[in-house]
Amino acid sequence: MEHHQNTAHPFDVLIIGSGGAGLTLALSLPEHYQIAILAKSSVHDASTYFAQGGVAAVLDQQDSHQLHVQDTMIAGGQLCHLNAVQFTVEGGQEAVDFLLKQGVQFTLDEDNQLHLTREGGHSQRRIIHAADATGQAISTTLVQRVKEKNNIHIFENYVAIDVITSDKIGLTDQKQRALGVYALNQCNNEVETFLAPFTALACGGAMKAYLYTSNPDIATGDGIAMAWRAGCRVANMEFNQFHPTCLYHPQARSFLITEAMRGEGAHLRLPDGERFMLRFDERAELAPRDVVARAIDFEMKRLGLRHVWLDITHQSETFIKSHFPTLYTRLLELGIDITKDKIPVVPAAHYTCGGVVVDQFSQTDVQGLYAIGETSCTGLHGANRMASNSLLECFVYGMSAAKHIQRHYAQQSRLPAVPHWDASEVEDSDEDVVILQNWDELRTCMWNYVGIVRTTKRLERALHRIEMLKSEIDAYYQNYKVSKNLIELRNLVLVSEMIVRCALQRKESRGLHYTLDYPETAHELRDTVLSPDQFHVTQPKVNVA
């Protein structure tokens, strides 16, 4: 397929993102649908690929849906939506069956059954995994299945800019409707138009807003920002999960040490060898991530440490190598033998628990627009995501969205004419240093003021600076041709503003939001919901003439 300036690509379903959520949706739709998947980089470059842990599902006779629901509600600070938790947990078996049908090779036990491990917050062993590289196994398999389908078309190196909606092109006499997206083709730096009656945002989260993160570079909040500009509500953005154990090493700043290691008995230690987690929670290393991350942060600040230690050397060499082959090999390359050496670890921004408000079918507030996976806020995670529930959510809601699209496929009306992207009044930038400076300043500001422990004063300082940065970036966006860095920065500064505004509204400490000004947990359970009506929304550059 040739790509020219203002090229229009019509499809039945358009999926932005190539992680577990987007691939599941594509593979769950009928084969006579013409489907496009837009990947910002390589089709493998998604958060799913880098997931080490696994998929949480009730598969053991000792376990139950009720226990999984209960564990999730506790981990989420009771803010999880019970109906969403039940829906997700009850969809676990179907999700596992889907993955097995696609050919994902999970680790088996001695009886040739799926091996189940345990992670923080779970009262039972219920995590299916592929050794310690589950995401890679899932992503590789699903991508291969997608490539085998003649009706699914992959567009790599395309950066979605904005959702095209009916009101943005002047059709104000009808209900707000998504018509597709404008996307930058990075191969020729031209903006192309993708049209579809059904568009799904499966772009992952926004943890590149922070200076230190376990996320790949693509995690810049694109889906959340695009949905917001399209008119969708966003909720609970103050709940940013910091993974407790990211490797502290100059050559691997984004390398995650899987929570399954603590599930298999690894201990967190101070330099003198003390196990400190028991002073913070009776569950010790198996406490939920927010508890563990805060404990590590507290000890690092108390003692002036750059990191703490994760120690699994008390397990046998055979056990360690068989359970964590990927970690063992990778860390050995960095000079750390985990059978003998403790691992230096530090918390890092890991997961966006809030996102675009959706229903059980991943529908947003805009007709024809869906949000799936980390981009969405289904109500499953509440104030803190429990380990390995995120991949489960991707598959359950990806399949649910597919069923909804099929149900409404015959009812779709013909798409109206859509104007091309208008770059006639902008010029090439000769000041890209502005983007670099703002990018660094934003991430440093978020890390210092909107981190694991917060105060109102820090949040107000962050909002003041973010508003200034946002103004500069919006002006830059209006005057210069778009680039990948500019698109990402524009999205990231908007999502950062959402995070801070949500945090300022929550006058309590709950789950991942811990503020020294309101250390107690309130009796009232409420979501923090933001609406685009509250803020000015910059419109895309389109020629409506």
Protein backbone atom coordinates (compact mmCIF):
# COMPACT_ATOMS: atom_id res chain seq x y z
CA MET A 1 0.00 0.00 0.00
CA GLU A 2 1.50 3.32 -1.07
CA HIS A 3 1.43 6.29 1.29
CA HIS A 4 1.20 9.85 0.03
CA GLN A 5 0.51 13.19 1.67
CA ASN A 6 -3.14 13.37 2.77
CA THR A 7 -3.59 9.70 1.92
CA ALA A 8 -6.87 8.35 3.29
CA HIS A 9 -7.06 4.74 4.48
CA PRO A 10 -10.61 3.40 5.03
CA PHE A 11 -11.12 0.42 7.37
CA ASP A 12 -13.90 -1.20 9.36
CA VAL A 13 -11.99 -1.08 12.64
CA LEU A 14 -8.97 1.05 13.50
CA ILE A 15 -6.77 0.05 16.47
CA ILE A 16 -4.15 2.42 17.85
CA GLY A 17 -1.50 0.38 19.65
CA SER A 18 -0.03 -3.10 19.27
CA GLY A 19 0.01 -4.39 22.84
CA GLY A 20 -2.07 -7.16 24.37
CA ALA A 21 -5.32 -5.16 24.36
CA GLY A 22 -5.18 -4.08 20.73
CA LEU A 23 -4.01 -7.45 19.41
CA THR A 24 -6.74 -9.25 21.37
CA LEU A 25 -9.39 -6.99 19.87
CA ALA A 26 -8.07 -7.57 16.35
CA LEU A 27 -7.95 -11.36 16.76
CA SER A 28 -11.42 -11.48 18.32
CA LEU A 29 -13.16 -9.82 15.36
CA PRO A 30 -14.56 -11.68 12.32
CA GLU A 31 -12.14 -12.23 9.46
CA HIS A 32 -14.28 -10.37 6.92
CA TYR A 33 -13.65 -7.10 8.82
CA GLN A 34 -10.88 -4.95 7.40
CA ILE A 35 -8.75 -3.96 10.41
CA ALA A 36 -5.80 -1.57 10.75
CA ILE A 37 -3.31 -1.63 13.63
CA LEU A 38 -1.16 1.49 14.03
CA ALA A 39 2.09 0.94 15.92
CA LYS A 40 4.14 3.95 16.98
CA SER A 41 7.35 1.99 16.55
CA SER A 42 7.84 -1.72 15.90
CA VAL A 43 4.71 -3.82 16.37
CA HIS A 44 6.53 -5.52 19.27
CA ASP A 45 7.33 -2.24 21.03
CA ALA A 46 4.53 -2.22 23.59
CA SER A 47 4.34 -2.55 27.36
CA THR A 48 2.91 -6.06 27.02
CA TYR A 49 6.15 -7.29 25.48
CA PHE A 50 8.14 -6.21 28.53
CA ALA A 51 5.81 -7.71 31.16
CA GLN A 52 7.68 -10.28 33.23
CA GLY A 53 5.05 -11.49 35.70
CA GLY A 54 1.96 -13.10 34.22
CA VAL A 55 -1.82 -13.24 33.96
CA ALA A 56 -3.97 -13.52 37.08
CA ALA A 57 -6.84 -16.01 36.74
CA VAL A 58 -8.74 -18.39 39.00
CA LEU A 59 -7.66 -21.84 37.80
CA ASP A 60 -6.92 -23.77 40.99
CA GLN A 61 -9.52 -25.69 43.05
CA GLN A 62 -8.24 -24.00 46.22
CA ASP A 63 -8.99 -20.61 44.67
CA SER A 64 -12.28 -18.91 43.85
CA HIS A 65 -13.70 -15.90 42.05
CA GLN A 66 -14.76 -14.55 45.42
CA LEU A 67 -11.19 -14.66 46.75
CA HIS A 68 -9.79 -12.99 43.62
CA VAL A 69 -12.43 -10.26 43.87
CA GLN A 70 -11.71 -9.80 47.56
CA ASP A 71 -7.94 -9.53 47.00
CA THR A 72 -8.45 -7.01 44.21
CA MET A 73 -10.77 -4.83 46.30
CA ILE A 74 -8.30 -4.80 49.21
CA ALA A 75 -5.34 -3.95 46.98
CA GLY A 76 -7.36 -1.19 45.29
CA GLY A 77 -8.18 0.54 48.58
CA GLN A 78 -11.84 -0.53 48.21
CA LEU A 79 -12.17 2.04 45.40
CA CYS A 80 -12.49 -0.63 42.71
CA HIS A 81 -15.90 -0.88 41.06
CA LEU A 82 -17.28 -4.21 42.25
CA ASN A 83 -19.12 -4.89 38.97
CA ALA A 84 -15.93 -4.29 36.97
CA VAL A 85 -13.89 -6.53 39.27
CA GLN A 86 -16.43 -9.35 39.07
CA PHE A 87 -16.71 -9.00 35.29
CA THR A 88 -12.93 -9.17 34.87
CA VAL A 89 -12.33 -12.01 37.33
CA GLU A 90 -15.17 -14.09 35.88
CA GLY A 91 -13.66 -13.59 32.41
CA GLY A 92 -10.35 -15.09 33.50
CA GLN A 93 -10.96 -18.60 32.18
CA GLU A 94 -12.12 -17.31 28.79
CA ALA A 95 -9.02 -15.09 28.59
CA VAL A 96 -6.70 -18.02 29.35
CA ASP A 97 -8.52 -20.20 26.81
CA PHE A 98 -8.07 -17.44 24.21
CA LEU A 99 -4.33 -17.26 24.86
CA LEU A 100 -3.92 -21.02 24.75
CA LYS A 101 -5.90 -21.16 21.50
CA GLN A 102 -3.52 -18.60 19.98
CA GLY A 103 -0.63 -20.86 20.96
CA VAL A 104 0.98 -19.03 23.87
CA GLN A 105 3.38 -21.45 25.60
CA PHE A 106 2.97 -21.04 29.35
CA THR A 107 5.14 -22.75 31.94
CA LEU A 108 3.78 -26.10 33.09
CA ASP A 109 4.20 -27.91 36.42
CA GLU A 110 5.29 -31.49 37.07
CA ASP A 111 1.78 -32.75 36.27
CA ASN A 112 1.82 -30.96 32.90
CA GLN A 113 -0.72 -28.42 34.16
CA LEU A 114 -0.34 -24.64 34.02
CA HIS A 115 2.14 -23.62 36.71
CA LEU A 116 0.72 -21.01 39.06
CA THR A 117 2.87 -18.56 40.97
CA ARG A 118 1.91 -15.92 43.52
CA GLU A 119 2.51 -12.17 43.61
CA GLY A 120 1.91 -9.28 45.99
CA GLY A 121 -1.68 -8.83 47.16
CA HIS A 122 -2.81 -12.30 46.04
CA SER A 123 -3.92 -14.70 48.76
CA GLN A 124 -3.58 -17.68 46.40
CA ARG A 125 -1.33 -18.90 43.63
CA ARG A 126 -3.18 -17.77 40.51
CA ILE A 127 -0.58 -16.28 38.14
CA ILE A 128 0.01 -18.21 34.92
CA HIS A 129 3.31 -17.30 33.32
CA ALA A 130 5.92 -18.16 30.71
CA ALA A 131 8.96 -18.41 33.00
CA ASP A 132 9.82 -14.77 33.76
CA ALA A 133 9.14 -13.40 30.27
CA THR A 134 5.37 -13.78 29.99
CA GLY A 135 4.80 -10.57 28.08
CA GLN A 136 7.34 -11.49 25.44
CA ALA A 137 5.72 -14.90 24.94
CA ILE A 138 2.23 -13.39 24.66
CA SER A 139 3.24 -10.49 22.44
CA THR A 140 5.32 -12.62 20.06
CA THR A 141 2.54 -15.19 19.68
CA LEU A 142 -0.27 -12.69 19.17
CA VAL A 143 1.77 -10.66 16.66
CA GLN A 144 2.46 -13.84 14.70
CA ARG A 145 -1.25 -14.70 14.65
CA VAL A 146 -2.12 -11.18 13.49
CA LYS A 147 0.43 -11.38 10.66
CA GLU A 148 -1.21 -14.60 9.47
CA LYS A 149 -4.54 -12.79 8.96
CA ASN A 150 -5.13 -11.29 5.51
CA ASN A 151 -7.72 -8.88 6.87
CA ILE A 152 -5.46 -7.27 9.50
CA HIS A 153 -3.05 -4.61 8.24
CA ILE A 154 -0.15 -3.42 10.39
CA PHE A 155 1.18 0.11 9.99
CA GLU A 156 4.49 0.43 11.86
CA ASN A 157 6.12 3.78 12.68
CA TYR A 158 2.86 5.71 12.62
CA VAL A 159 2.15 8.19 15.44
CA ALA A 160 -1.54 8.95 15.97
CA ILE A 161 -2.07 12.69 16.48
CA ASP A 162 -5.78 13.14 17.17
CA VAL A 163 -9.11 11.40 16.90
CA ILE A 164 -11.26 12.80 14.10
CA THR A 165 -14.73 13.50 15.47
CA SER A 166 -17.89 14.77 13.81
CA ASP A 167 -17.90 18.07 15.67
CA LYS A 168 -14.26 18.82 14.80
CA ILE A 169 -15.12 18.76 11.09
CA GLY A 170 -18.19 20.96 11.56
CA LEU A 171 -20.95 18.35 11.88
CA THR A 172 -22.46 19.86 15.00
CA ASP A 173 -26.03 18.82 14.19
CA GLN A 174 -25.45 15.17 15.09
CA LYS A 175 -24.26 13.16 18.05
CA GLN A 176 -20.53 13.29 18.71
CA ARG A 177 -18.98 10.43 16.74
CA ALA A 178 -15.45 9.16 16.10
CA LEU A 179 -14.50 8.87 12.45
CA GLY A 180 -10.85 7.79 12.65
CA VAL A 181 -7.51 9.47 13.33
CA TYR A 182 -4.85 11.64 11.79
CA ALA A 183 -1.46 9.95 12.04
CA LEU A 184 2.11 10.95 11.26
CA ASN A 185 3.94 8.58 8.93
CA GLN A 186 7.47 8.70 10.35
CA CYS A 187 8.96 7.33 7.13
CA ASN A 188 8.10 10.44 5.10
CA ASN A 189 7.00 12.87 7.87
CA GLU A 190 3.60 13.33 6.27
CA VAL A 191 0.25 13.22 8.04
CA GLU A 192 -2.21 10.63 6.73
CA THR A 193 -5.90 10.04 7.42
CA PHE A 194 -7.25 6.73 8.74
CA LEU A 195 -11.02 6.36 8.66
CA ALA A 196 -13.22 3.80 10.41
CA PRO A 197 -16.65 3.66 12.07
CA PHE A 198 -14.97 1.97 15.05
CA THR A 199 -11.72 3.26 16.57
CA ALA A 200 -10.00 1.71 19.58
CA LEU A 201 -7.33 3.46 21.63
CA ALA A 202 -5.03 0.78 23.05
CA CYS A 203 -1.95 2.95 23.46
CA GLY A 204 -0.85 2.01 26.98
CA GLY A 205 -0.22 4.39 29.86
CA ALA A 206 1.62 7.61 30.60
CA MET A 207 4.48 6.77 32.93
CA LYS A 208 7.08 8.44 30.73
CA ALA A 209 5.79 11.53 32.52
CA TYR A 210 8.24 10.56 35.26
CA LEU A 211 12.01 10.82 35.18
CA TYR A 212 12.48 7.21 36.30
CA THR A 213 10.17 4.59 34.83
CA SER A 214 10.04 0.92 33.95
CA ASN A 215 8.01 1.70 30.82
CA PRO A 216 9.16 1.66 27.19
CA ASP A 217 9.55 5.03 25.46
CA ILE A 218 6.13 4.75 23.82
CA ALA A 219 4.25 5.22 27.13
CA THR A 220 3.48 8.90 26.65
CA GLY A 221 -0.25 8.95 27.39
CA ASP A 222 -1.26 9.29 23.74
CA GLY A 223 -4.59 7.48 24.02
CA ILE A 224 -5.65 9.31 27.15
CA ALA A 225 -4.78 12.70 25.67
CA MET A 226 -6.46 11.97 22.32
CA ALA A 227 -9.63 10.74 24.01
CA TRP A 228 -9.70 13.86 26.19
CA ARG A 229 -9.39 16.13 23.16
CA ALA A 230 -12.18 14.12 21.51
CA GLY A 231 -14.48 14.93 24.43
CA CYS A 232 -14.10 11.94 26.77
CA ARG A 233 -14.00 12.03 30.55
CA VAL A 234 -10.88 10.85 32.39
CA ALA A 235 -10.81 9.47 35.93
CA ASN A 236 -8.46 8.61 38.82
CA MET A 237 -5.27 9.89 37.21
CA GLU A 238 -3.74 10.53 40.66
CA PHE A 239 -3.17 6.80 41.11
CA ASN A 240 0.23 6.20 39.52
CA GLN A 241 1.79 2.91 40.46
CA PHE A 242 5.50 2.90 41.26
CA HIS A 243 6.91 -0.59 40.90
CA PRO A 244 8.99 -1.24 44.01
CA THR A 245 11.82 -3.10 42.33
CA CYS A 246 13.35 -1.57 39.24
CA LEU A 247 17.03 -2.43 38.74
CA TYR A 248 19.38 0.31 39.91
CA HIS A 249 22.15 0.15 37.31
CA PRO A 250 23.63 2.80 34.97
CA GLN A 251 23.38 0.47 31.96
CA ALA A 252 19.76 -0.60 32.50
CA ARG A 253 17.63 2.24 33.85
CA SER A 254 14.28 0.73 32.79
CA PHE A 255 14.84 -2.93 33.66
CA LEU A 256 12.19 -4.36 35.94
CA ILE A 257 12.78 -7.06 38.55
CA THR A 258 9.59 -9.10 38.42
CA GLU A 259 7.32 -9.22 41.44
CA ALA A 260 7.25 -13.00 41.02
CA MET A 261 10.72 -13.04 42.56
CA ARG A 262 9.25 -11.76 45.82
CA GLY A 263 6.41 -14.21 45.32
CA GLU A 264 8.99 -16.99 45.34
CA GLY A 265 10.61 -15.82 48.55
CA ALA A 266 13.00 -12.97 47.75
CA HIS A 267 13.66 -10.53 50.65
CA LEU A 268 14.16 -6.77 50.61
CA ARG A 269 17.17 -5.74 52.69
CA LEU A 270 19.03 -2.64 53.85
CA PRO A 271 22.83 -2.35 53.42
CA ASP A 272 23.36 -3.95 56.84
CA GLY A 273 21.28 -6.95 55.79
CA GLU A 274 18.12 -6.09 57.77
CA ARG A 275 14.77 -7.23 56.32
CA PHE A 276 12.77 -4.05 56.80
CA MET A 277 9.37 -4.81 55.24
CA LEU A 278 8.06 -6.54 58.37
CA ARG A 279 8.24 -3.14 60.12
CA PHE A 280 5.72 -1.75 57.61
CA ASP A 281 3.29 -4.59 56.89
CA GLU A 282 2.67 -8.09 58.23
CA ARG A 283 2.61 -9.33 54.61
CA ALA A 284 6.23 -8.15 54.30
CA GLU A 285 7.50 -8.41 50.70
CA LEU A 286 4.10 -9.70 49.53
CA ALA A 287 2.26 -6.53 50.53
CA PRO A 288 0.65 -4.60 47.63
CA ARG A 289 2.95 -2.50 45.51
CA ASP A 290 1.99 0.86 46.98
CA VAL A 291 2.93 -0.34 50.48
CA VAL A 292 6.25 -1.80 49.35
CA ALA A 293 7.18 1.22 47.22
CA ARG A 294 6.44 3.66 50.07
CA ALA A 295 8.46 1.55 52.50
CA ILE A 296 11.47 1.53 50.18
CA ASP A 297 11.10 5.26 49.55
CA PHE A 298 10.93 5.91 53.31
CA GLU A 299 14.06 3.87 54.05
CA MET A 300 16.01 5.44 51.19
CA LYS A 301 15.18 8.94 52.44
CA ARG A 302 15.75 8.02 56.09
CA LEU A 303 19.19 6.56 55.46
CA GLY A 304 20.21 8.60 52.43
CA LEU A 305 20.37 5.54 50.15
CA ARG A 306 20.36 5.42 46.38
CA HIS A 307 18.77 1.96 46.45
CA VAL A 308 17.95 -1.04 48.63
CA TRP A 309 18.70 -4.71 47.99
CA LEU A 310 16.55 -7.61 46.77
CA ASP A 311 17.94 -10.93 47.92
CA ILE A 312 17.00 -14.41 46.69
CA THR A 313 20.37 -16.06 47.32
CA HIS A 314 18.86 -18.28 50.04
CA GLN A 315 17.12 -20.27 47.29
CA SER A 316 19.04 -22.97 45.43
CA GLU A 317 20.88 -22.18 42.22
CA THR A 318 18.74 -24.70 40.35
CA PHE A 319 15.53 -23.10 41.64
CA ILE A 320 16.65 -19.58 40.68
CA LYS A 321 17.80 -20.51 37.18
CA SER A 322 14.67 -22.51 36.42
CA HIS A 323 12.23 -19.88 37.71
CA PHE A 324 14.02 -16.75 36.49
CA PRO A 325 16.11 -17.67 33.43
CA THR A 326 15.66 -14.31 31.68
CA LEU A 327 16.55 -12.30 34.78
CA TYR A 328 19.50 -14.54 35.57
CA THR A 329 20.98 -14.17 32.07
CA ARG A 330 20.38 -10.44 31.77
CA LEU A 331 21.74 -9.57 35.21
CA LEU A 332 24.75 -11.79 34.69
CA GLU A 333 25.55 -9.67 31.62
CA LEU A 334 25.55 -6.67 33.96
CA GLY A 335 27.89 -8.37 36.45
CA ILE A 336 25.23 -9.51 38.94
CA ASP A 337 24.95 -13.25 39.69
CA ILE A 338 21.56 -13.49 41.40
CA THR A 339 22.40 -16.95 42.78
CA LYS A 340 25.14 -15.28 44.85
CA ASP A 341 24.62 -11.51 44.72
CA LYS A 342 21.89 -9.25 46.06
CA ILE A 343 20.19 -7.04 43.43
CA PRO A 344 20.20 -3.23 43.82
CA VAL A 345 16.61 -1.98 43.32
CA VAL A 346 14.70 1.30 43.43
CA PRO A 347 11.03 2.22 42.86
CA ALA A 348 10.14 3.54 39.39
CA ALA A 349 6.93 4.79 37.77
CA HIS A 350 5.24 1.73 36.35
CA TYR A 351 1.50 1.83 35.68
CA THR A 352 -1.31 4.34 35.08
CA CYS A 353 -4.28 3.08 37.12
CA GLY A 354 -6.63 5.82 35.93
CA GLY A 355 -7.49 6.68 32.36
CA VAL A 356 -10.36 7.17 29.94
CA VAL A 357 -13.74 6.40 31.48
CA VAL A 358 -15.28 3.34 29.78
CA ASP A 359 -18.10 0.88 30.34
CA GLN A 360 -18.05 -2.93 30.37
CA PHE A 361 -17.60 -2.94 26.59
CA SER A 362 -14.68 -0.45 26.61
CA GLN A 363 -16.93 2.27 25.15
CA THR A 364 -15.97 5.87 25.87
CA ASP A 365 -18.27 8.91 25.96
CA VAL A 366 -17.88 9.29 22.17
CA GLN A 367 -19.80 7.01 19.85
CA GLY A 368 -17.56 4.59 17.95
CA LEU A 369 -14.55 5.27 20.18
CA TYR A 370 -13.21 2.60 22.53
CA ALA A 371 -10.35 2.60 25.05
CA ILE A 372 -8.76 -0.66 26.16
CA GLY A 373 -5.99 -1.71 28.52
CA GLU A 374 -3.89 0.82 30.39
CA THR A 375 -5.40 3.69 28.39
CA SER A 376 -8.78 3.03 30.01
CA CYS A 377 -10.30 3.36 33.46
CA THR A 378 -12.65 0.39 33.77
CA GLY A 379 -12.94 0.59 37.56
CA LEU A 380 -10.95 -2.62 38.03
CA HIS A 381 -7.86 -1.17 39.67
CA GLY A 382 -9.31 1.41 42.03
CA ALA A 383 -6.57 3.15 44.00
CA ASN A 384 -3.91 0.53 43.27
CA ARG A 385 -3.55 -2.17 40.61
CA MET A 386 -2.94 -5.65 41.95
CA ALA A 387 -0.10 -7.50 40.24
CA SER A 388 -0.96 -9.33 36.99
CA ASN A 389 -4.53 -8.02 36.86
CA SER A 390 -3.53 -5.64 34.07
CA LEU A 391 -2.87 -8.26 31.40
CA LEU A 392 -6.09 -10.00 32.40
CA GLU A 393 -7.94 -6.71 31.90
CA CYS A 394 -6.43 -6.32 28.40
CA PHE A 395 -7.77 -9.68 27.25
CA VAL A 396 -11.17 -9.54 28.96
CA TYR A 397 -11.99 -6.04 27.75
CA GLY A 398 -10.42 -6.58 24.32
CA MET A 399 -12.79 -9.51 23.77
CA SER A 400 -15.70 -7.55 25.23
CA ALA A 401 -15.09 -4.64 22.86
CA ALA A 402 -14.98 -7.07 19.94
CA LYS A 403 -18.40 -8.46 20.89
CA HIS A 404 -19.84 -4.94 21.12
CA ILE A 405 -18.44 -3.92 17.73
CA GLN A 406 -19.90 -7.05 16.12
CA ARG A 407 -23.28 -6.32 17.69
CA HIS A 408 -23.35 -2.82 16.17
CA TYR A 409 -21.46 -3.49 12.94
CA ALA A 410 -24.58 -3.79 10.78
CA GLN A 411 -25.95 -0.52 12.19
CA GLN A 412 -22.98 1.61 11.15
CA SER A 413 -23.81 4.52 8.93
CA ARG A 414 -21.71 5.77 6.07
CA LEU A 415 -18.80 7.97 7.12
CA PRO A 416 -18.97 11.62 6.03
CA ALA A 417 -16.27 13.29 3.97
CA VAL A 418 -13.30 14.12 6.19
CA PRO A 419 -10.98 17.07 5.48
CA HIS A 420 -7.29 16.48 5.11
CA TRP A 421 -4.67 17.63 7.59
CA ASP A 422 -3.77 21.26 7.00
CA ALA A 423 -0.07 22.13 7.30
CA SER A 424 -0.24 25.18 5.02
CA GLU A 425 0.27 27.72 7.80
CA VAL A 426 3.07 26.04 9.73
CA GLU A 427 6.78 25.77 9.05
CA ASP A 428 9.69 23.48 9.80
CA SER A 429 11.10 24.00 13.26
CA ASP A 430 14.62 25.27 13.77
CA GLU A 431 14.22 25.27 17.55
CA ASP A 432 13.82 21.59 18.49
CA VAL A 433 15.91 22.32 21.57
CA VAL A 434 12.69 23.76 23.02
CA ILE A 435 11.09 20.31 22.87
CA LEU A 436 14.09 18.69 24.53
CA GLN A 437 14.20 21.30 27.30
CA ASN A 438 10.47 21.08 28.01
CA TRP A 439 10.54 17.29 27.95
CA ASP A 440 13.31 17.12 30.56
CA GLU A 441 11.76 19.85 32.70
CA LEU A 442 8.35 18.18 32.72
CA ARG A 443 9.64 14.75 33.77
CA THR A 444 11.88 16.19 36.48
CA CYS A 445 9.01 18.30 37.81
CA MET A 446 6.71 15.26 37.96
CA TRP A 447 9.33 13.12 39.70
CA ASN A 448 10.16 15.72 42.36
CA TYR A 449 6.67 17.08 43.07
CA VAL A 450 4.18 14.35 42.07
CA GLY A 451 5.97 11.21 43.20
CA ILE A 452 5.41 8.44 45.73
CA VAL A 453 4.84 10.87 48.63
CA ARG A 454 3.07 14.19 47.92
CA THR A 455 2.09 17.46 49.58
CA THR A 456 -0.37 20.13 48.49
CA LYS A 457 2.42 22.67 48.13
CA ARG A 458 4.41 20.36 45.84
CA LEU A 459 1.34 19.66 43.73
CA GLU A 460 0.54 23.37 43.39
CA ARG A 461 4.11 24.08 42.32
CA ALA A 462 3.89 21.28 39.78
CA LEU A 463 0.60 22.57 38.36
CA HIS A 464 1.97 26.10 38.00
CA ARG A 465 4.99 24.89 36.05
CA ILE A 466 2.97 22.43 33.95
CA GLU A 467 0.54 25.16 32.92
CA MET A 468 3.46 27.28 31.73
CA LEU A 469 4.96 24.35 29.83
CA LYS A 470 1.60 23.49 28.31
CA SER A 471 1.19 27.05 27.05
CA GLU A 472 4.65 26.98 25.45
CA ILE A 473 4.02 23.57 23.87
CA ASP A 474 0.59 24.55 22.52
CA ALA A 475 2.09 27.64 20.89
CA TYR A 476 4.85 25.53 19.40
CA TYR A 477 2.29 23.01 18.11
CA GLN A 478 0.29 25.74 16.36
CA ASN A 479 3.30 27.20 14.54
CA TYR A 480 5.51 24.29 13.52
CA LYS A 481 5.10 21.02 11.66
CA VAL A 482 4.37 18.07 13.88
CA SER A 483 7.05 15.56 14.80
CA LYS A 484 7.00 12.43 16.94
CA ASN A 485 8.67 14.25 19.84
CA LEU A 486 6.25 17.17 19.65
CA ILE A 487 3.18 14.91 19.49
CA GLU A 488 4.37 12.92 22.50
CA LEU A 489 5.31 15.99 24.52
CA ARG A 490 1.95 17.62 23.78
CA ASN A 491 0.20 14.50 25.07
CA LEU A 492 2.46 14.05 28.06
CA VAL A 493 2.09 17.59 29.38
CA LEU A 494 -1.71 17.31 29.11
CA VAL A 495 -1.78 13.99 30.95
CA SER A 496 0.60 15.35 33.59
CA GLU A 497 -1.84 18.21 34.19
CA MET A 498 -4.62 15.64 34.66
CA ILE A 499 -2.52 13.72 37.19
CA VAL A 500 -1.87 16.85 39.25
CA ARG A 501 -5.44 18.15 39.07
CA CYS A 502 -6.80 14.78 40.20
CA ALA A 503 -4.24 14.62 43.02
CA LEU A 504 -5.20 18.08 44.26
CA GLN A 505 -8.86 17.07 44.38
CA ARG A 506 -8.27 13.99 46.54
CA LYS A 507 -8.14 15.18 50.15
CA GLU A 508 -7.07 11.84 51.62
CA SER A 509 -4.40 9.18 51.33
CA ARG A 510 -5.61 6.06 49.58
CA GLY A 511 -3.71 3.40 47.67
CA LEU A 512 -1.11 4.95 45.41
CA HIS A 513 -2.01 8.53 46.36
CA TYR A 514 -0.22 9.34 49.61
CA THR A 515 -0.11 12.95 50.80
CA LEU A 516 1.46 14.22 54.00
CA ASP A 517 -1.29 16.87 54.27
CA TYR A 518 -4.08 14.27 54.40
CA PRO A 519 -2.49 11.07 55.75
CA GLU A 520 -5.79 9.45 56.76
CA THR A 521 -8.15 7.53 54.48
CA ALA A 522 -11.58 9.11 54.14
CA HIS A 523 -14.79 7.16 54.76
CA GLU A 524 -16.29 8.34 51.49
CA LEU A 525 -15.52 6.30 48.39
CA ARG A 526 -15.41 8.42 45.24
CA ASP A 527 -13.68 8.57 41.89
CA THR A 528 -11.89 11.70 40.75
CA VAL A 529 -13.46 12.50 37.37
CA LEU A 530 -12.31 15.25 35.02
CA SER A 531 -14.33 16.49 32.04
CA PRO A 532 -12.96 18.30 28.96
CA ASP A 533 -15.64 20.94 29.51
CA GLN A 534 -13.53 22.19 32.42
CA PHE A 535 -10.49 23.04 30.31
CA HIS A 536 -9.53 24.58 27.03
CA VAL A 537 -8.91 21.90 24.39
CA THR A 538 -6.54 22.68 21.50
CA GLN A 539 -8.07 21.52 18.21
CA PRO A 540 -6.13 19.73 15.46
CA LYS A 541 -5.05 21.45 12.28
CA VAL A 542 -7.64 20.53 9.66
CA ASN A 543 -8.75 22.23 6.49
CA VAL A 544 -12.53 22.51 6.76
CA ALA A 545 -12.89 24.61 3.64
